[in-house]
């Protein structure tokens, strides 16, 4: 009998796939929670949340924050040190982009050299910068 037909063949691959799925679950949960935040923000801008009692809104935001924290903790327990380094690096780059971009835009807008700050453009640019930095760092090794 050769190694390809031995009973233990492929078990390492199965373990790696299972580990990857376990690591992806909290990330998918965070994406869904982010979608819930976006949905709530859209409702708020449409004026639909004015009819909801403030206590209900506070409870909803509190539950959402608790779920995000739980998902982050679960993800951090399952992730390896290389992934943590990539995330830390891209988060730092995103923070610098936010700092320079938002405050620079504020200064230019105050001087009349730029339109007023659009918070969604700032959020999008920060996220896009973090994603680009993460992609560059992560796939540069591949």
Protein backbone atom coordinates (compact mmCIF):
# COMPACT_ATOMS: atom_id res chain seq x y z
CA UNK A 1 0.00 0.00 0.00
CA UNK A 2 1.38 3.41 -0.90
CA UNK A 3 1.08 6.66 1.02
CA UNK A 4 -1.69 8.02 -1.20
CA UNK A 5 -4.05 5.28 -0.07
CA UNK A 6 -3.13 5.23 3.61
CA UNK A 7 -5.99 5.93 6.06
CA UNK A 8 -4.41 9.13 7.40
CA UNK A 9 -3.83 10.73 3.99
CA UNK A 10 -5.39 14.16 3.68
CA UNK A 11 -6.22 14.56 7.36
CA UNK A 12 -3.92 17.59 7.57
CA UNK A 13 -5.76 19.21 4.68
CA UNK A 14 -9.12 18.54 6.31
CA UNK A 15 -7.88 20.01 9.58
CA UNK A 16 -6.62 23.11 7.77
CA UNK A 17 -9.96 23.57 5.96
CA UNK A 18 -11.86 23.15 9.23
CA UNK A 19 -9.56 25.65 10.93
CA UNK A 20 -10.08 28.13 8.09
CA UNK A 21 -13.86 27.76 8.39
CA UNK A 22 -13.71 28.26 12.17
CA UNK A 23 -11.67 31.41 11.68
CA UNK A 24 -14.04 32.71 8.99
CA UNK A 25 -17.20 32.35 11.08
CA UNK A 26 -16.59 35.34 13.42
CA UNK A 27 -15.50 37.40 10.41
CA UNK A 28 -18.74 36.63 8.59
CA UNK A 29 -20.65 37.51 11.76
CA UNK A 30 -18.84 40.86 11.88
CA UNK A 31 -19.79 41.51 8.25
CA UNK A 32 -23.44 40.79 9.04
CA UNK A 33 -23.32 43.07 12.09
CA UNK A 34 -21.79 45.80 9.94
CA UNK A 35 -24.65 45.32 7.51
CA UNK A 36 -27.10 45.74 10.40
CA UNK A 37 -25.40 49.01 11.33
CA UNK A 38 -25.64 50.21 7.74
CA UNK A 39 -29.29 49.24 7.60
CA UNK A 40 -29.95 51.14 10.85
CA UNK A 41 -28.11 54.17 9.53
CA UNK A 42 -30.18 54.14 6.35
CA UNK A 43 -33.36 53.96 8.44
CA UNK A 44 -32.13 56.84 10.61
CA UNK A 45 -31.47 59.03 7.59
CA UNK A 46 -34.88 58.20 6.16
CA UNK A 47 -36.46 59.35 9.43
CA UNK A 48 -37.93 55.95 10.24
CA UNK A 49 -36.23 55.66 13.62
CA UNK A 50 -38.01 58.72 15.00
CA UNK A 51 -40.99 56.53 15.91
CA UNK A 52 -38.86 54.06 17.88
CA UNK A 53 -38.48 54.63 21.61
CA UNK A 54 -34.98 55.81 22.60
CA UNK A 55 -34.66 52.98 25.15
CA UNK A 56 -35.20 50.43 22.39
CA UNK A 57 -32.54 52.10 20.26
CA UNK A 58 -30.07 52.17 23.15
CA UNK A 59 -30.71 48.49 23.85
CA UNK A 60 -30.29 47.62 20.19
CA UNK A 61 -26.99 49.48 19.91
CA UNK A 62 -25.82 47.91 23.18
CA UNK A 63 -26.65 44.41 21.95
CA UNK A 64 -24.97 45.12 18.64
CA UNK A 65 -21.83 46.38 20.43
CA UNK A 66 -21.78 43.28 22.67
CA UNK A 67 -22.13 41.01 19.62
CA UNK A 68 -19.28 42.82 17.83
CA UNK A 69 -17.03 42.52 20.89
CA UNK A 70 -17.86 38.81 21.25
CA UNK A 71 -17.13 38.18 17.57
CA UNK A 72 -13.82 40.04 17.78
CA UNK A 73 -12.77 38.04 20.85
CA UNK A 74 -13.76 34.77 19.16
CA UNK A 75 -11.85 35.74 16.02
CA UNK A 76 -8.74 36.80 17.96
CA UNK A 77 -8.65 33.45 19.78
CA UNK A 78 -8.63 31.56 16.49
CA UNK A 79 -6.30 33.64 14.35
CA UNK A 80 -2.57 33.10 13.95
CA UNK A 81 0.17 35.65 14.59
CA UNK A 82 0.81 36.34 10.90
CA UNK A 83 -2.83 37.33 10.37
CA UNK A 84 -2.73 39.51 13.48
CA UNK A 85 0.38 41.25 12.13
CA UNK A 86 -1.32 41.86 8.77
CA UNK A 87 -4.43 43.25 10.47
CA UNK A 88 -2.37 45.46 12.79
CA UNK A 89 -0.32 46.81 9.92
CA UNK A 90 -3.35 47.57 7.73
CA UNK A 91 -5.24 49.12 10.65
CA UNK A 92 -2.31 51.43 11.35
CA UNK A 93 -2.18 52.49 7.69
CA UNK A 94 -5.95 53.09 7.74
CA UNK A 95 -5.69 55.16 10.93
CA UNK A 96 -3.01 57.32 9.34
CA UNK A 97 -5.14 57.79 6.24
CA UNK A 98 -8.11 58.76 8.42
CA UNK A 99 -6.04 61.21 10.43
CA UNK A 100 -4.41 62.88 7.45
CA UNK A 101 -7.45 62.75 5.19
CA UNK A 102 -10.16 63.87 7.61
CA UNK A 103 -8.21 66.62 9.30
CA UNK A 104 -6.65 67.76 6.05
CA UNK A 105 -10.11 67.95 4.48
CA UNK A 106 -11.41 69.89 7.51
CA UNK A 107 -8.61 72.44 7.14
CA UNK A 108 -9.18 72.79 3.39
CA UNK A 109 -12.95 73.09 3.89
CA UNK A 110 -12.50 75.75 6.58
CA UNK A 111 -10.31 77.74 4.17
CA UNK A 112 -12.90 77.39 1.39
CA UNK A 113 -10.54 75.33 -0.76
CA UNK A 114 -12.65 72.16 -0.59
CA UNK A 115 -16.31 71.25 -0.14
CA UNK A 116 -17.60 70.46 3.36
CA UNK A 117 -16.45 67.15 4.80
CA UNK A 118 -18.59 64.21 3.75
CA UNK A 119 -18.42 61.62 6.54
CA UNK A 120 -19.33 58.78 4.20
CA UNK A 121 -16.47 59.63 1.88
CA UNK A 122 -14.13 59.62 4.88
CA UNK A 123 -15.46 56.24 6.10
CA UNK A 124 -15.23 54.74 2.62
CA UNK A 125 -11.72 56.08 1.97
CA UNK A 126 -10.52 54.80 5.34
CA UNK A 127 -11.98 51.34 4.74
CA UNK A 128 -10.65 51.22 1.19
CA UNK A 129 -7.17 52.23 2.38
CA UNK A 130 -7.21 49.55 5.08
CA UNK A 131 -8.42 46.92 2.62
CA UNK A 132 -5.79 47.88 0.04
CA UNK A 133 -3.03 47.82 2.67
CA UNK A 134 -4.21 44.46 3.97
CA UNK A 135 -4.41 43.01 0.47
CA UNK A 136 -0.96 44.28 -0.41
CA UNK A 137 0.54 42.91 2.78
CA UNK A 138 -1.30 39.59 2.67
CA UNK A 139 -0.88 38.73 -0.99
CA UNK A 140 2.67 40.01 -1.25
CA UNK A 141 3.72 36.86 0.65
CA UNK A 142 1.83 34.50 -1.68
